[in-house]
Amino acid sequence: MEQSKIEPGHFGSSTDNIIIIKDFISKLDLEHMSVYLQHHNVWDNPKETEYDEHGVCIYDASYWWDRVCEGQTLRRNNAFIYDMLNKYVEKMRLVIENKFDLSIGGRDPTLVRWLPGFEQQPHSDKQLNDGSPNAFPTYDINSVFYWNSDFEGGQFYYPDHGIELEIEAGMAVCHPGDIHYLHGVRPVTSGTRWTTPSFYTVTDMH
């Protein structure tokens, strides 16, 4: 399993490490995405569910079925939209590097849909909730971009920091990936919620 350059807990547990940026995405790009999402129906159905040596599920593939379009598939389907998403992955990379004084590497952008009934229990990105490694130990600092707000429910929340966000189109959030920054999604009750999660790995400490 790939190892991270930093240990979980490296950034501490301060709420100051949670970044919330409204209007991160331009109104023009939101309009482009709104048109595109009316027709998007291309998905990368995931690999098999993964379990650790004790039989504990560390990655539930069924949860993401027909919900995720990965970068290369998106690029083949619509290069303009891929480039637009990638622009914001890079924009957030610069925000993170400035905030934490380090260098990070990003990954291809993805597009995720949240239909009514979907939610996500509080979790971290690079650890299981008991602090043991999950399938993504190099997801050191991570973000989510929000493409629309014409849905009900789907609030994003940090239970240990007393933060719950009503989603606004164009908003972005960012946080370290360990269990000091557990985060979840309230159930979507109507409409479709569209997001781009972005996962970054520390490559150098300044």
C-alpha atoms as a PDB file:
ATOM      1  CA  MET A   1       0.000   0.000   0.000  1.00  0.00           C
ATOM      2  CA  GLU A   2       1.291   3.469  -0.897  1.00  0.00           C
ATOM      3  CA  GLN A   3       2.502   5.482   2.099  1.00  0.00           C
ATOM      4  CA  SER A   4       1.941   9.138   2.890  1.00  0.00           C
ATOM      5  CA  LYS A   5       4.777  11.575   3.652  1.00  0.00           C
ATOM      6  CA  ILE A   6       2.833  12.850   6.671  1.00  0.00           C
ATOM      7  CA  GLU A   7       1.275  11.059   9.608  1.00  0.00           C
ATOM      8  CA  PRO A   8      -2.435  11.346  10.391  1.00  0.00           C
ATOM      9  CA  GLY A   9      -2.895  14.252  12.778  1.00  0.00           C
ATOM     10  CA  HIS A  10      -0.030  16.213  11.237  1.00  0.00           C
ATOM     11  CA  PHE A  11      -2.174  19.342  10.952  1.00  0.00           C
ATOM     12  CA  GLY A  12      -3.702  19.097  14.414  1.00  0.00           C
ATOM     13  CA  SER A  13      -7.420  19.516  14.969  1.00  0.00           C
ATOM     14  CA  SER A  14      -8.056  23.255  14.664  1.00  0.00           C
ATOM     15  CA  THR A  15     -11.222  24.410  12.940  1.00  0.00           C
ATOM     16  CA  ASP A  16      -8.982  27.007  11.254  1.00  0.00           C
ATOM     17  CA  ASN A  17      -7.775  24.214   8.946  1.00  0.00           C
ATOM     18  CA  ILE A  18     -11.226  23.971   7.371  1.00  0.00           C
ATOM     19  CA  ILE A  19     -11.405  26.231   4.318  1.00  0.00           C
ATOM     20  CA  ILE A  20     -14.812  27.386   3.047  1.00  0.00           C
ATOM     21  CA  ILE A  21     -14.853  29.536  -0.091  1.00  0.00           C
ATOM     22  CA  LYS A  22     -18.044  30.908  -1.594  1.00  0.00           C
ATOM     23  CA  ASP A  23     -18.075  31.812  -5.309  1.00  0.00           C
ATOM     24  CA  PHE A  24     -15.000  29.649  -5.893  1.00  0.00           C
ATOM     25  CA  ILE A  25     -16.429  28.742  -9.292  1.00  0.00           C
ATOM     26  CA  SER A  26     -17.290  31.509 -11.744  1.00  0.00           C
ATOM     27  CA  LYS A  27     -20.906  32.143 -12.734  1.00  0.00           C
ATOM     28  CA  LEU A  28     -20.036  31.467 -16.371  1.00  0.00           C
ATOM     29  CA  ASP A  29     -18.578  28.056 -15.561  1.00  0.00           C
ATOM     30  CA  LEU A  30     -21.611  27.253 -13.415  1.00  0.00           C
ATOM     31  CA  GLU A  31     -23.762  28.025 -16.447  1.00  0.00           C
ATOM     32  CA  HIS A  32     -21.643  25.768 -18.670  1.00  0.00           C
ATOM     33  CA  MET A  33     -21.938  22.954 -16.126  1.00  0.00           C
ATOM     34  CA  SER A  34     -25.686  23.451 -15.708  1.00  0.00           C
ATOM     35  CA  VAL A  35     -26.191  22.879 -19.431  1.00  0.00           C
ATOM     36  CA  TYR A  36     -23.844  19.895 -19.488  1.00  0.00           C
ATOM     37  CA  LEU A  37     -25.418  18.143 -16.496  1.00  0.00           C
ATOM     38  CA  GLN A  38     -28.790  18.004 -18.218  1.00  0.00           C
ATOM     39  CA  HIS A  39     -27.343  15.345 -20.539  1.00  0.00           C
ATOM     40  CA  HIS A  40     -24.536  13.660 -18.590  1.00  0.00           C
ATOM     41  CA  ASN A  41     -25.039   9.918 -18.223  1.00  0.00           C
ATOM     42  CA  VAL A  42     -21.572   8.352 -18.378  1.00  0.00           C
ATOM     43  CA  TRP A  43     -20.313   6.487 -15.311  1.00  0.00           C
ATOM     44  CA  ASP A  44     -17.280   4.566 -14.127  1.00  0.00           C
ATOM     45  CA  ASN A  45     -18.642   1.760 -12.038  1.00  0.00           C
ATOM     46  CA  PRO A  46     -16.040   0.931  -9.426  1.00  0.00           C
ATOM     47  CA  LYS A  47     -13.825  -1.992  -8.653  1.00  0.00           C
ATOM     48  CA  GLU A  48     -14.945  -4.616  -6.181  1.00  0.00           C
ATOM     49  CA  THR A  49     -15.578  -3.886  -2.526  1.00  0.00           C
ATOM     50  CA  GLU A  50     -12.364  -4.101  -0.475  1.00  0.00           C
ATOM     51  CA  TYR A  51     -11.902  -5.659   2.966  1.00  0.00           C
ATOM     52  CA  ASP A  52      -8.968  -5.596   5.365  1.00  0.00           C
ATOM     53  CA  GLU A  53      -7.342  -8.685   6.871  1.00  0.00           C
ATOM     54  CA  HIS A  54      -9.990  -8.742   9.606  1.00  0.00           C
ATOM     55  CA  GLY A  55     -12.888  -8.740   7.165  1.00  0.00           C
ATOM     56  CA  VAL A  56     -13.775  -5.093   7.786  1.00  0.00           C
ATOM     57  CA  CYS A  57     -15.026  -3.239   4.702  1.00  0.00           C
ATOM     58  CA  ILE A  58     -12.617  -0.441   3.820  1.00  0.00           C
ATOM     59  CA  TYR A  59     -14.206   0.451   0.461  1.00  0.00           C
ATOM     60  CA  ASP A  60     -17.863  -0.166  -0.473  1.00  0.00           C
ATOM     61  CA  ALA A  61     -18.042  -0.241  -4.274  1.00  0.00           C
ATOM     62  CA  SER A  62     -21.827  -0.636  -4.434  1.00  0.00           C
ATOM     63  CA  TYR A  63     -22.355   2.766  -2.816  1.00  0.00           C
ATOM     64  CA  TRP A  64     -20.815   4.511  -5.842  1.00  0.00           C
ATOM     65  CA  TRP A  65     -22.537   2.508  -8.606  1.00  0.00           C
ATOM     66  CA  ASP A  66     -23.766   4.758 -11.468  1.00  0.00           C
ATOM     67  CA  ARG A  67     -22.729   7.868  -9.542  1.00  0.00           C
ATOM     68  CA  VAL A  68     -19.102   8.655 -10.418  1.00  0.00           C
ATOM     69  CA  CYS A  69     -17.518   9.786 -13.681  1.00  0.00           C
ATOM     70  CA  GLU A  70     -13.737   9.698 -13.437  1.00  0.00           C
ATOM     71  CA  GLY A  71     -11.395  12.102 -15.152  1.00  0.00           C
ATOM     72  CA  GLN A  72     -10.349  10.157 -18.225  1.00  0.00           C
ATOM     73  CA  THR A  73     -13.913   9.100 -18.985  1.00  0.00           C
ATOM     74  CA  LEU A  74     -15.030  12.696 -18.586  1.00  0.00           C
ATOM     75  CA  ARG A  75     -12.228  13.857 -20.851  1.00  0.00           C
ATOM     76  CA  ARG A  76     -13.268  11.425 -23.597  1.00  0.00           C
ATOM     77  CA  ASN A  77     -16.894  12.433 -23.221  1.00  0.00           C
ATOM     78  CA  ASN A  78     -16.383  16.214 -23.065  1.00  0.00           C
ATOM     79  CA  ALA A  79     -12.881  17.687 -23.071  1.00  0.00           C
ATOM     80  CA  PHE A  80     -14.183  21.204 -22.400  1.00  0.00           C
ATOM     81  CA  ILE A  81     -15.878  20.150 -19.156  1.00  0.00           C
ATOM     82  CA  TYR A  82     -12.837  18.089 -18.135  1.00  0.00           C
ATOM     83  CA  ASP A  83     -10.541  21.096 -18.618  1.00  0.00           C
ATOM     84  CA  MET A  84     -12.933  23.296 -16.663  1.00  0.00           C
ATOM     85  CA  LEU A  85     -12.968  20.908 -13.698  1.00  0.00           C
ATOM     86  CA  ASN A  86      -9.215  20.522 -13.863  1.00  0.00           C
ATOM     87  CA  LYS A  87      -8.844  24.302 -13.705  1.00  0.00           C
ATOM     88  CA  TYR A  88     -10.532  24.308 -10.301  1.00  0.00           C
ATOM     89  CA  VAL A  89      -8.501  21.350  -9.051  1.00  0.00           C
ATOM     90  CA  GLU A  90      -5.422  23.428  -9.833  1.00  0.00           C
ATOM     91  CA  LYS A  91      -6.933  26.577  -8.315  1.00  0.00           C
ATOM     92  CA  MET A  92      -7.594  24.728  -5.062  1.00  0.00           C
ATOM     93  CA  ARG A  93      -4.093  23.256  -5.126  1.00  0.00           C
ATOM     94  CA  LEU A  94      -2.669  26.775  -4.959  1.00  0.00           C
ATOM     95  CA  VAL A  95      -5.049  27.718  -2.121  1.00  0.00           C
ATOM     96  CA  ILE A  96      -3.934  24.671  -0.116  1.00  0.00           C
ATOM     97  CA  GLU A  97      -0.232  25.197  -0.733  1.00  0.00           C
ATOM     98  CA  ASN A  98      -0.499  28.812   0.391  1.00  0.00           C
ATOM     99  CA  LYS A  99      -2.554  27.924   3.470  1.00  0.00           C
ATOM    100  CA  PHE A 100      -0.371  25.070   4.746  1.00  0.00           C
ATOM    101  CA  ASP A 101       3.033  26.086   3.294  1.00  0.00           C
ATOM    102  CA  LEU A 102       3.735  22.842   1.487  1.00  0.00           C
ATOM    103  CA  SER A 103       3.649  21.276  -1.976  1.00  0.00           C
ATOM    104  CA  ILE A 104       0.951  18.858  -3.055  1.00  0.00           C
ATOM    105  CA  GLY A 105       0.056  16.783  -6.059  1.00  0.00           C
ATOM    106  CA  GLY A 106      -3.490  16.495  -7.311  1.00  0.00           C
ATOM    107  CA  ARG A 107      -5.487  13.923  -9.212  1.00  0.00           C
ATOM    108  CA  ASP A 108      -7.794  13.924 -12.209  1.00  0.00           C
ATOM    109  CA  PRO A 109     -11.125  15.610 -11.484  1.00  0.00           C
ATOM    110  CA  THR A 110     -14.235  13.511 -11.030  1.00  0.00           C
ATOM    111  CA  LEU A 111     -17.938  14.254 -11.199  1.00  0.00           C
ATOM    112  CA  VAL A 112     -20.303  12.738  -8.635  1.00  0.00           C
ATOM    113  CA  ARG A 113     -24.091  12.792  -8.456  1.00  0.00           C
ATOM    114  CA  TRP A 114     -26.180  12.450  -5.310  1.00  0.00           C
ATOM    115  CA  LEU A 115     -29.733  11.286  -5.934  1.00  0.00           C
ATOM    116  CA  PRO A 116     -32.581  11.485  -3.395  1.00  0.00           C
ATOM    117  CA  GLY A 117     -31.969   9.171  -0.476  1.00  0.00           C
ATOM    118  CA  PHE A 118     -28.181   9.272  -0.707  1.00  0.00           C
ATOM    119  CA  GLU A 119     -26.175  10.477   2.259  1.00  0.00           C
ATOM    120  CA  GLN A 120     -22.730   9.926   3.733  1.00  0.00           C
ATOM    121  CA  GLN A 121     -22.010   9.231   7.361  1.00  0.00           C
ATOM    122  CA  PRO A 122     -19.143  11.151   9.008  1.00  0.00           C
ATOM    123  CA  HIS A 123     -15.832   9.762   7.817  1.00  0.00           C
ATOM    124  CA  SER A 124     -12.294  10.822   7.000  1.00  0.00           C
ATOM    125  CA  ASP A 125     -10.559  10.523   3.645  1.00  0.00           C
ATOM    126  CA  LYS A 126      -7.323   8.719   4.572  1.00  0.00           C
ATOM    127  CA  GLN A 127      -8.404   6.730   7.648  1.00  0.00           C
ATOM    128  CA  LEU A 128     -11.215   4.590   8.943  1.00  0.00           C
ATOM    129  CA  ASN A 129     -13.095   6.173  11.825  1.00  0.00           C
ATOM    130  CA  ASP A 130     -11.171   4.067  14.353  1.00  0.00           C
ATOM    131  CA  GLY A 131      -7.936   5.657  13.121  1.00  0.00           C
ATOM    132  CA  SER A 132      -6.664   2.680  11.125  1.00  0.00           C
ATOM    133  CA  PRO A 133      -5.679   3.124   7.454  1.00  0.00           C
ATOM    134  CA  ASN A 134      -8.323   2.916   4.759  1.00  0.00           C
ATOM    135  CA  ALA A 135      -7.754   2.256   1.058  1.00  0.00           C
ATOM    136  CA  PHE A 136      -6.517   5.834   0.417  1.00  0.00           C
ATOM    137  CA  PRO A 137      -3.706   6.658   2.899  1.00  0.00           C
ATOM    138  CA  THR A 138      -2.258   9.390   0.641  1.00  0.00           C
ATOM    139  CA  TYR A 139      -5.444  11.488   0.575  1.00  0.00           C
ATOM    140  CA  ASP A 140      -3.721  14.039   2.823  1.00  0.00           C
ATOM    141  CA  ILE A 141      -5.769  17.179   2.107  1.00  0.00           C
ATOM    142  CA  ASN A 142      -9.036  17.135   0.251  1.00  0.00           C
ATOM    143  CA  SER A 143     -11.740  19.373  -1.129  1.00  0.00           C
ATOM    144  CA  VAL A 144     -15.210  19.365  -2.652  1.00  0.00           C
ATOM    145  CA  PHE A 145     -16.621  21.733  -5.283  1.00  0.00           C
ATOM    146  CA  TYR A 146     -20.383  22.243  -5.586  1.00  0.00           C
ATOM    147  CA  TRP A 147     -21.950  22.734  -9.004  1.00  0.00           C
ATOM    148  CA  ASN A 148     -25.591  23.366  -8.140  1.00  0.00           C
ATOM    149  CA  SER A 149     -28.017  24.161  -5.355  1.00  0.00           C
ATOM    150  CA  ASP A 150     -31.362  23.201  -6.923  1.00  0.00           C
ATOM    151  CA  PHE A 151     -31.936  20.279  -4.553  1.00  0.00           C
ATOM    152  CA  GLU A 152     -33.153  19.783  -0.987  1.00  0.00           C
ATOM    153  CA  GLY A 153     -31.122  18.342   1.857  1.00  0.00           C
ATOM    154  CA  GLY A 154     -27.540  17.292   1.174  1.00  0.00           C
ATOM    155  CA  GLN A 155     -25.966  19.646   3.733  1.00  0.00           C
ATOM    156  CA  PHE A 156     -22.244  19.120   4.307  1.00  0.00           C
ATOM    157  CA  TYR A 157     -21.172  18.945   7.939  1.00  0.00           C
ATOM    158  CA  TYR A 158     -18.204  18.531  10.283  1.00  0.00           C
ATOM    159  CA  PRO A 159     -19.661  17.003  13.477  1.00  0.00           C
ATOM    160  CA  ASP A 160     -16.567  17.613  15.622  1.00  0.00           C
ATOM    161  CA  HIS A 161     -16.358  21.278  14.620  1.00  0.00           C
ATOM    162  CA  GLY A 162     -19.997  22.290  14.846  1.00  0.00           C
ATOM    163  CA  ILE A 163     -20.170  23.240  11.169  1.00  0.00           C
ATOM    164  CA  GLU A 164     -23.086  22.451   8.861  1.00  0.00           C
ATOM    165  CA  LEU A 165     -23.240  24.079   5.448  1.00  0.00           C
ATOM    166  CA  GLU A 166     -26.229  24.745   3.244  1.00  0.00           C
ATOM    167  CA  ILE A 167     -24.812  24.161  -0.209  1.00  0.00           C
ATOM    168  CA  GLU A 168     -24.493  27.090  -2.603  1.00  0.00           C
ATOM    169  CA  ALA A 169     -23.612  26.634  -6.251  1.00  0.00           C
ATOM    170  CA  GLY A 170     -19.975  27.595  -6.768  1.00  0.00           C
ATOM    171  CA  MET A 171     -18.918  26.907  -3.178  1.00  0.00           C
ATOM    172  CA  ALA A 172     -15.808  24.912  -2.294  1.00  0.00           C
ATOM    173  CA  VAL A 173     -14.660  23.366   0.993  1.00  0.00           C
ATOM    174  CA  CYS A 174     -11.308  21.907   1.965  1.00  0.00           C
ATOM    175  CA  HIS A 175      -9.891  20.023   4.973  1.00  0.00           C
ATOM    176  CA  PRO A 176      -7.104  17.676   6.059  1.00  0.00           C
ATOM    177  CA  GLY A 177      -7.842  14.033   5.404  1.00  0.00           C
ATOM    178  CA  ASP A 178      -7.498  12.467   8.858  1.00  0.00           C
ATOM    179  CA  ILE A 179     -10.026  11.674  11.597  1.00  0.00           C
ATOM    180  CA  HIS A 180      -9.719  15.139  13.171  1.00  0.00           C
ATOM    181  CA  TYR A 181     -11.832  16.328  10.236  1.00  0.00           C
ATOM    182  CA  LEU A 182     -14.668  13.838  10.033  1.00  0.00           C
ATOM    183  CA  HIS A 183     -17.277  15.085   7.566  1.00  0.00           C
ATOM    184  CA  GLY A 184     -20.576  13.853   6.221  1.00  0.00           C
ATOM    185  CA  VAL A 185     -23.497  14.598   3.926  1.00  0.00           C
ATOM    186  CA  ARG A 186     -27.107  14.825   5.110  1.00  0.00           C
ATOM    187  CA  PRO A 187     -29.647  12.836   3.068  1.00  0.00           C
ATOM    188  CA  VAL A 188     -30.647  14.416  -0.232  1.00  0.00           C
ATOM    189  CA  THR A 189     -34.438  14.678  -0.098  1.00  0.00           C
ATOM    190  CA  SER A 190     -35.206  15.930  -3.614  1.00  0.00           C
ATOM    191  CA  GLY A 191     -33.368  16.914  -6.765  1.00  0.00           C
ATOM    192  CA  THR A 192     -29.846  15.885  -7.757  1.00  0.00           C
ATOM    193  CA  ARG A 193     -26.756  17.198  -6.000  1.00  0.00           C
ATOM    194  CA  TRP A 194     -23.588  17.448  -8.151  1.00  0.00           C
ATOM    195  CA  THR A 195     -20.065  17.654  -6.737  1.00  0.00           C
ATOM    196  CA  THR A 196     -16.410  17.307  -7.642  1.00  0.00           C
ATOM    197  CA  PRO A 197     -14.299  15.867  -4.829  1.00  0.00           C
ATOM    198  CA  SER A 198     -10.580  16.454  -5.196  1.00  0.00           C
ATOM    199  CA  PHE A 199      -7.855  14.579  -3.312  1.00  0.00           C
ATOM    200  CA  TYR A 200      -4.318  15.892  -2.817  1.00  0.00           C
ATOM    201  CA  THR A 201      -1.106  14.254  -1.608  1.00  0.00           C
ATOM    202  CA  VAL A 202       1.691  16.103   0.173  1.00  0.00           C
ATOM    203  CA  THR A 203       4.885  15.940  -1.905  1.00  0.00           C
ATOM    204  CA  ASP A 204       7.136  18.322   0.013  1.00  0.00           C
ATOM    205  CA  MET A 205       7.095  20.161   3.344  1.00  0.00           C
ATOM    206  CA  HIS A 206       8.463  23.724   3.240  1.00  0.00           C
END
